[in-house]
Protein backbone atom coordinates (compact mmCIF):
# COMPACT_ATOMS: atom_id res chain seq x y z
CA MET A 1 27.19 -34.92 11.02
CA LYS A 2 26.38 -35.09 14.75
CA LYS A 3 27.72 -31.56 15.15
CA TYR A 4 25.29 -30.20 12.52
CA LEU A 5 22.37 -32.20 13.92
CA SER A 6 23.06 -30.78 17.40
CA LEU A 7 23.13 -27.25 15.99
CA ILE A 8 19.79 -27.82 14.26
CA LEU A 9 18.26 -29.27 17.44
CA ILE A 10 19.53 -26.36 19.56
CA THR A 11 18.00 -23.91 17.10
CA MET A 12 14.71 -25.81 17.06
CA THR A 13 14.45 -26.04 20.85
CA GLY A 14 14.02 -22.31 21.18
CA LEU A 15 17.27 -21.09 22.66
CA SER A 16 16.81 -18.20 20.25
CA SER A 17 13.67 -16.20 21.04
CA LEU A 18 12.28 -15.55 17.54
CA ILE A 19 8.70 -14.29 17.70
CA ALA A 20 6.18 -13.20 15.12
CA ALA A 21 4.54 -10.13 16.66
CA GLU A 22 0.89 -9.25 16.02
CA VAL A 23 -0.08 -5.88 14.56
CA ASP A 24 -2.34 -3.74 16.77
CA LYS A 25 -4.45 -2.21 13.97
CA ALA A 26 -6.02 0.37 16.31
CA HIS A 27 -2.56 1.90 16.81
CA SER A 28 -1.07 1.42 13.34
CA GLU A 29 -1.18 3.33 10.05
CA VAL A 30 0.17 3.26 6.52
CA GLU A 31 0.25 6.77 5.03
CA PHE A 32 1.60 8.53 1.94
CA SER A 33 1.81 12.01 0.47
CA VAL A 34 2.60 13.39 -2.98
CA ALA A 35 2.97 16.86 -4.50
CA HIS A 36 -0.21 18.24 -6.08
CA LEU A 37 -0.19 21.09 -8.62
CA VAL A 38 3.39 21.86 -7.53
CA VAL A 39 2.11 23.98 -4.62
CA SER A 40 0.76 21.53 -2.03
CA ARG A 41 0.70 17.89 -0.94
CA THR A 42 -2.12 15.39 -1.12
CA ARG A 43 -2.15 12.91 1.75
CA GLY A 44 -3.76 9.52 2.05
CA GLN A 45 -3.67 6.23 3.80
CA PHE A 46 -4.45 2.57 3.35
CA HIS A 47 -6.83 1.19 5.98
CA ASP A 48 -6.55 -2.52 5.20
CA PHE A 49 -3.13 -4.14 5.51
CA THR A 50 -1.39 -7.08 7.10
CA ALA A 51 2.17 -7.31 8.33
CA ASP A 52 4.40 -10.14 9.47
CA VAL A 53 7.09 -8.80 11.75
CA ASN A 54 9.77 -11.04 13.22
CA ILE A 55 11.62 -10.07 16.37
CA GLU A 56 14.53 -11.97 17.86
CA ASP A 57 15.96 -11.14 21.27
CA GLY A 58 14.22 -7.74 21.19
CA GLU A 59 15.54 -6.79 17.73
CA LEU A 60 13.73 -6.59 14.40
CA VAL A 61 15.04 -9.32 12.08
CA GLY A 62 12.52 -9.21 9.24
CA ALA A 63 9.19 -7.86 8.05
CA SER A 64 6.73 -8.21 5.22
CA ALA A 65 3.47 -6.48 4.46
CA THR A 66 0.51 -6.73 2.12
CA ILE A 67 -1.70 -3.70 1.49
CA ASP A 68 -5.19 -3.84 -0.01
CA VAL A 69 -5.18 -1.02 -2.59
CA ASN A 70 -9.00 -0.85 -2.48
CA SER A 71 -8.66 0.53 1.06
CA ILE A 72 -7.01 3.74 -0.17
CA ASP A 73 -8.45 6.87 1.43
CA THR A 74 -7.48 10.43 0.52
CA ASP A 75 -10.66 11.92 1.99
CA ASN A 76 -12.02 12.43 -1.54
CA GLU A 77 -14.08 9.63 -3.13
CA LYS A 78 -13.62 10.89 -6.71
CA ARG A 79 -9.82 11.02 -6.29
CA ASP A 80 -9.79 7.61 -4.57
CA ASN A 81 -11.69 6.09 -7.50
CA HIS A 82 -9.23 7.68 -9.94
CA LEU A 83 -6.29 6.25 -7.95
CA LYS A 84 -7.91 2.79 -8.12
CA SER A 85 -8.35 3.05 -11.91
CA ALA A 86 -5.96 1.90 -14.64
CA ASP A 87 -4.48 5.44 -14.68
CA PHE A 88 -2.82 4.66 -11.34
CA PHE A 89 -2.99 1.44 -9.27
CA HIS A 90 -5.32 -0.54 -11.60
CA VAL A 91 -6.84 -2.47 -8.68
CA GLU A 92 -8.81 -4.83 -10.90
CA GLU A 93 -5.54 -6.32 -12.09
CA TYR A 94 -3.24 -5.44 -9.15
CA PRO A 95 -5.30 -5.41 -5.94
CA GLU A 96 -2.30 -5.52 -3.56
CA LEU A 97 0.96 -3.74 -2.82
CA THR A 98 3.61 -5.84 -1.09
CA PHE A 99 6.86 -5.34 0.77
CA GLU A 100 9.35 -8.05 1.75
CA SER A 101 12.44 -7.16 3.77
CA THR A 102 15.82 -8.39 2.57
CA LYS A 103 18.13 -6.82 5.15
CA VAL A 104 17.84 -5.08 8.50
CA GLU A 105 20.59 -2.76 9.64
CA GLU A 106 20.85 0.04 12.17
CA GLY A 107 18.24 2.62 11.21
CA LYS A 108 17.45 1.08 7.79
CA LEU A 109 15.09 -1.57 6.47
CA HIS A 110 15.95 -2.85 2.99
CA GLY A 111 13.41 -4.73 0.95
CA ASN A 112 11.54 -5.34 -2.26
CA MET A 113 8.35 -3.39 -2.91
CA THR A 114 5.85 -4.53 -5.53
CA ILE A 115 3.31 -2.13 -7.03
CA ARG A 116 1.31 -2.90 -10.22
CA GLY A 117 3.34 -6.08 -10.68
CA VAL A 118 6.65 -4.17 -10.70
CA THR A 119 9.16 -5.10 -7.99
CA LYS A 120 11.93 -2.67 -7.03
CA PRO A 121 14.40 -2.56 -4.13
CA VAL A 122 13.72 0.18 -1.58
CA VAL A 123 15.45 1.36 1.58
CA LEU A 124 13.30 2.83 4.34
CA ASP A 125 14.49 4.76 7.37
CA MET A 126 13.59 2.70 10.42
CA ASP A 127 12.96 3.49 14.06
CA PHE A 128 12.31 0.26 16.00
CA ARG A 129 11.29 0.79 19.62
CA GLY A 130 10.55 -1.34 22.63
CA PRO A 131 10.02 -3.53 24.32
CA VAL A 132 7.60 -2.01 26.79
CA LYS A 133 4.97 -3.70 28.89
CA HIS A 134 1.39 -2.72 28.01
CA PRO A 135 -0.19 -1.21 31.16
CA PHE A 136 -3.64 -2.73 30.53
CA ASN A 137 -3.09 -6.21 29.08
CA GLY A 138 0.47 -6.97 30.24
CA LYS A 139 1.68 -7.89 26.74
CA THR A 140 5.11 -6.93 25.43
CA VAL A 141 4.79 -4.11 22.89
CA TYR A 142 7.12 -2.83 20.15
CA GLY A 143 6.86 0.03 17.68
CA LEU A 144 8.06 -0.04 14.08
CA ASN A 145 8.20 3.33 12.34
CA LEU A 146 9.29 3.52 8.71
CA SER A 147 9.68 6.43 6.31
CA GLY A 148 11.06 6.92 2.86
CA THR A 149 10.41 8.12 -0.64
CA ILE A 150 9.78 6.19 -3.84
CA ASP A 151 9.48 7.37 -7.43
CA ARG A 152 5.99 6.28 -8.45
CA THR A 153 6.88 6.24 -12.16
CA GLU A 154 9.36 3.40 -11.54
CA PHE A 155 6.36 1.25 -10.54
CA GLY A 156 4.27 2.09 -13.60
CA LEU A 157 2.24 4.89 -11.97
CA THR A 158 2.87 7.38 -14.77
CA TRP A 159 -0.42 9.24 -15.26
CA ASN A 160 -0.03 13.03 -15.20
CA LYS A 161 -1.15 16.30 -16.80
CA ALA A 162 1.07 19.27 -17.62
CA LEU A 163 0.16 22.64 -16.12
CA GLU A 164 0.13 25.66 -18.41
CA THR A 165 2.25 27.56 -15.85
CA GLY A 166 4.83 24.76 -15.74
CA GLY A 167 5.03 21.62 -13.70
CA VAL A 168 2.55 18.76 -13.48
CA VAL A 169 -0.58 17.81 -11.55
CA VAL A 170 1.04 14.94 -9.59
CA GLY A 171 4.65 14.79 -8.40
CA ASP A 172 6.77 11.71 -9.01
CA ASP A 173 8.15 11.37 -5.47
CA VAL A 174 5.81 9.72 -2.98
CA ALA A 175 6.62 10.00 0.72
CA ILE A 176 5.77 6.89 2.73
CA ASN A 177 5.18 6.87 6.48
CA VAL A 178 4.34 3.69 8.36
CA SER A 179 3.77 3.41 12.08
CA ILE A 180 2.97 -0.06 13.44
CA GLU A 181 2.42 -1.10 17.02
CA LEU A 182 3.19 -4.76 17.68
CA GLN A 183 2.32 -7.08 20.54
CA GLU A 184 3.83 -10.42 21.53
């Protein structure tokens, strides 16, 4: 019993340097793109999000994020309102998207993503950088860059229209790109 108590006390005294880094929103973005009319891509971003990122001894050990769907911006108000409607995100009932990591490995971040109340496992390509010392405020800075693709229909985002020349208005595969700057 003493052995286990000592282990707990050592862990609690901070011999391990686990930190929860703060997101620098001025240098962070959550973006997506999806095929439109088979011939191009529509791009957008979410402006309002929070992230909890845990770093231990200079390595990423876990992350979670919450995104306010009402902050969606595709540079087209009519399209944004359609994306917020029940045809897509249904923000009145599901105002947030969430991600919770389950495993961190070299170059990959595994986790559970929830959209419209549907939770699915996803694997994102990961590039974790740092630490560097900020030249103006002296804080330790890290960068977390994530990318991947999800099938929107697996999350209940199934609205579409067939084109008379073949294909559909909106593609199923959504590319996700996240770039977050973190400070200790």
